[in-house]
Protein backbone atom coordinates (compact mmCIF):
# COMPACT_ATOMS: atom_id res chain seq x y z
CA UNK A 1 15.77 -10.06 -17.97
CA UNK A 2 16.48 -8.76 -14.33
CA UNK A 3 14.71 -5.63 -13.31
CA UNK A 4 16.63 -2.54 -14.45
CA UNK A 5 17.82 -0.12 -11.87
CA UNK A 6 15.08 2.70 -11.60
CA UNK A 7 16.47 6.15 -11.35
CA UNK A 8 14.31 9.23 -10.53
CA UNK A 9 15.49 12.62 -11.43
CA UNK A 10 14.33 15.99 -10.15
CA UNK A 11 11.69 16.40 -12.72
CA UNK A 12 10.16 13.01 -12.07
CA UNK A 13 10.44 13.58 -8.24
CA UNK A 14 8.51 17.07 -8.73
CA UNK A 15 5.80 15.13 -10.70
CA UNK A 16 5.48 12.47 -8.05
CA UNK A 17 5.25 14.92 -5.27
CA UNK A 18 2.70 17.16 -7.07
CA UNK A 19 0.52 13.91 -7.58
CA UNK A 20 0.83 13.24 -3.81
CA UNK A 21 -0.11 16.86 -3.04
CA UNK A 22 -3.10 16.61 -5.23
CA UNK A 23 -4.30 13.36 -3.48
CA UNK A 24 -3.59 14.92 -0.09
CA UNK A 25 -6.01 17.90 -0.97
CA UNK A 26 -8.59 15.69 -2.74
CA UNK A 27 -8.78 13.11 -0.06
CA UNK A 28 -8.76 15.41 2.76
CA UNK A 29 -5.86 13.46 4.18
CA UNK A 30 -3.35 14.28 6.77
CA UNK A 31 -0.17 12.60 5.25
CA UNK A 32 0.64 10.94 1.93
CA UNK A 33 3.77 8.73 1.79
CA UNK A 34 5.16 6.97 -1.22
CA UNK A 35 7.53 4.05 -0.47
CA UNK A 36 9.37 1.56 -2.56
CA UNK A 37 8.78 -2.27 -1.65
CA UNK A 38 12.26 -2.21 -0.28
CA UNK A 39 11.27 0.17 2.32
CA UNK A 40 12.92 3.41 1.06
CA UNK A 41 10.80 6.53 1.25
CA UNK A 42 10.38 8.14 -2.19
CA UNK A 43 8.16 11.11 -1.18
CA UNK A 44 6.12 12.36 1.57
CA UNK A 45 3.62 15.25 1.70
CA UNK A 46 1.42 16.80 4.51
CA UNK A 47 2.16 16.67 8.19
CA UNK A 48 5.26 14.51 7.67
CA UNK A 49 7.25 16.25 10.41
CA UNK A 50 5.13 14.43 12.93
CA UNK A 51 6.45 11.06 11.93
CA UNK A 52 9.84 9.08 11.78
CA UNK A 53 9.56 8.60 8.04
CA UNK A 54 12.28 6.07 7.95
CA UNK A 55 10.49 3.74 10.43
CA UNK A 56 7.17 4.41 8.68
CA UNK A 57 8.72 3.50 5.25
CA UNK A 58 10.38 0.24 6.42
CA UNK A 59 7.42 -0.96 8.50
CA UNK A 60 5.12 -0.27 5.59
CA UNK A 61 7.18 -2.33 3.21
CA UNK A 62 7.35 -4.93 5.95
CA UNK A 63 3.54 -4.95 6.33
CA UNK A 64 3.19 -5.39 2.61
CA UNK A 65 5.80 -8.28 2.62
CA UNK A 66 4.00 -10.00 5.47
CA UNK A 67 0.53 -9.64 4.03
CA UNK A 68 1.92 -10.97 0.72
CA UNK A 69 2.94 -14.07 2.63
CA UNK A 70 -0.66 -14.36 3.93
CA UNK A 71 -2.02 -14.00 0.48
CA UNK A 72 0.24 -16.77 -1.00
CA UNK A 73 -1.08 -18.95 1.89
CA UNK A 74 -4.54 -18.62 0.73
CA UNK A 75 -3.75 -18.64 -2.92
CA UNK A 76 -3.79 -15.16 -3.86
CA UNK A 77 -0.99 -13.32 -5.62
CA UNK A 78 -0.94 -10.38 -3.17
CA UNK A 79 -3.33 -8.06 -1.25
CA UNK A 80 -3.12 -4.78 -3.21
CA UNK A 81 -5.11 -2.62 -0.73
CA UNK A 82 -4.82 -2.78 3.08
CA UNK A 83 -6.71 -0.79 5.51
CA UNK A 84 -6.01 -0.21 9.26
CA UNK A 85 -8.60 1.66 11.29
CA UNK A 86 -7.43 3.33 14.43
CA UNK A 87 -9.31 5.37 17.24
CA UNK A 88 -8.28 8.75 15.72
CA UNK A 89 -6.31 7.88 12.50
CA UNK A 90 -6.73 5.40 9.80
CA UNK A 91 -4.16 4.08 7.10
CA UNK A 92 -4.83 3.03 3.63
CA UNK A 93 -2.06 1.30 2.12
CA UNK A 94 -2.05 0.30 -1.78
CA UNK A 95 0.36 -1.12 -4.09
CA UNK A 96 0.92 0.96 -7.19
CA UNK A 97 2.17 -0.36 -10.48
CA UNK A 98 3.30 -3.70 -8.58
CA UNK A 99 6.28 -1.48 -7.41
CA UNK A 100 5.57 1.28 -5.03
CA UNK A 101 3.35 1.47 -1.95
CA UNK A 102 1.02 4.49 -1.57
CA UNK A 103 0.24 5.18 2.10
CA UNK A 104 -2.70 7.62 3.10
CA UNK A 105 -3.10 8.71 6.77
CA UNK A 106 -6.45 10.32 7.27
CA UNK A 107 -8.75 11.17 10.24
CA UNK A 108 -12.62 11.75 10.60
CA UNK A 109 -12.32 14.81 8.41
CA UNK A 110 -12.39 12.23 5.55
CA UNK A 111 -13.96 9.00 4.81
CA UNK A 112 -12.67 5.60 3.55
CA UNK A 113 -14.98 5.86 0.44
CA UNK A 114 -13.54 9.10 -0.47
CA UNK A 115 -9.99 8.10 0.09
CA UNK A 116 -10.58 4.88 -2.03
CA UNK A 117 -11.97 6.88 -4.82
CA UNK A 118 -9.15 9.39 -4.79
CA UNK A 119 -6.59 6.73 -4.38
CA UNK A 120 -7.85 4.75 -7.44
CA UNK A 121 -7.29 7.93 -9.64
CA UNK A 122 -3.98 8.81 -8.22
CA UNK A 123 -2.75 5.32 -8.55
CA UNK A 124 -3.49 5.26 -12.10
CA UNK A 125 -1.54 8.49 -12.57
CA UNK A 126 1.25 7.25 -10.55
CA UNK A 127 1.40 4.04 -12.31
CA UNK A 128 1.63 5.63 -15.85
CA UNK A 129 4.50 7.78 -14.51
CA UNK A 130 6.40 4.68 -12.86
CA UNK A 131 5.78 2.60 -15.86
CA UNK A 132 7.30 5.42 -18.07
CA UNK A 133 10.29 5.44 -15.75
CA UNK A 134 10.59 1.70 -16.03
CA UNK A 135 10.45 1.83 -19.70
CA UNK A 136 13.10 4.48 -19.94
CA UNK A 137 15.23 2.54 -17.63
CA UNK A 138 14.95 -0.62 -19.72
CA UNK A 139 15.68 1.35 -23.04
CA UNK A 140 18.84 2.72 -21.42
CA UNK A 141 19.83 -0.82 -20.28
CA UNK A 142 19.15 -2.28 -23.80
CA UNK A 143 21.31 0.58 -25.33
CA UNK A 144 24.27 -0.46 -23.22
CA UNK A 145 24.23 3.03 -21.68
CA UNK A 146 22.31 2.64 -18.47
CA UNK A 147 23.43 6.09 -17.22
CA UNK A 148 23.36 5.62 -13.65
CA UNK A 149 24.20 8.50 -11.41
CA UNK A 150 27.51 6.68 -10.03
CA UNK A 151 28.00 4.30 -13.02
CA UNK A 152 31.62 5.49 -13.64
CA UNK A 153 32.80 4.86 -10.08
CA UNK A 154 34.57 1.50 -9.87
CA UNK A 155 35.34 -0.78 -6.84
CA UNK A 156 39.14 0.44 -7.26
CA UNK A 157 37.99 4.09 -6.91
CA UNK A 158 36.14 3.34 -3.62
CA UNK A 159 39.11 1.35 -2.39
CA UNK A 160 41.49 4.23 -3.13
CA UNK A 161 39.10 6.63 -1.36
CA UNK A 162 39.46 4.71 1.92
CA UNK A 163 43.24 4.15 1.87
C-alpha cells in the first residue's frame, strides 16, 4: 500500500511544538527544527528569526538525501544521525520515525553528549506521535474516508476558479 497522506491538525502541531520546546530547554540548544524528508518545515522553536527557514529545511532534506546515497554505496540503509561541527555553532541532525528530520543547532553552552542524550529521548516521543498520526491516516484511508482538508475540491473546481 502506498504511504497515506499525513495530515497534522492544530492539536498534533501543538504537541510537536511542545516536544521541540522541551528539547530546546533540556539540550540547552539555540534552535530546533523539525523538517519532513521532502524539505518542508514542520516546526521551529528557539532563535528561528535568525534563519531562512525555507532554505534550512530544503538543504537539510538534501543533506539527508545525499548522505543516504553515500550510505547505500557502502552497504548501509541510511545514516540516522549526522553531526556538523562549526567554529561557533554545531548541527545535530537525526531521522525520527524514518519520516521526519530533527535538527538541533547548539553552541558552546551545550555539548554533543548532552544533545545526543536529549535527542534520543525526544526522538522516542516524536516517533510515538508520528507513528500515531500515520496509523490514524492509514485507518482513515482504509475506511474510504481519508478526510483530507481539501478532498472535496476537484480538478474541475480549480479550472472554474481560474476561468
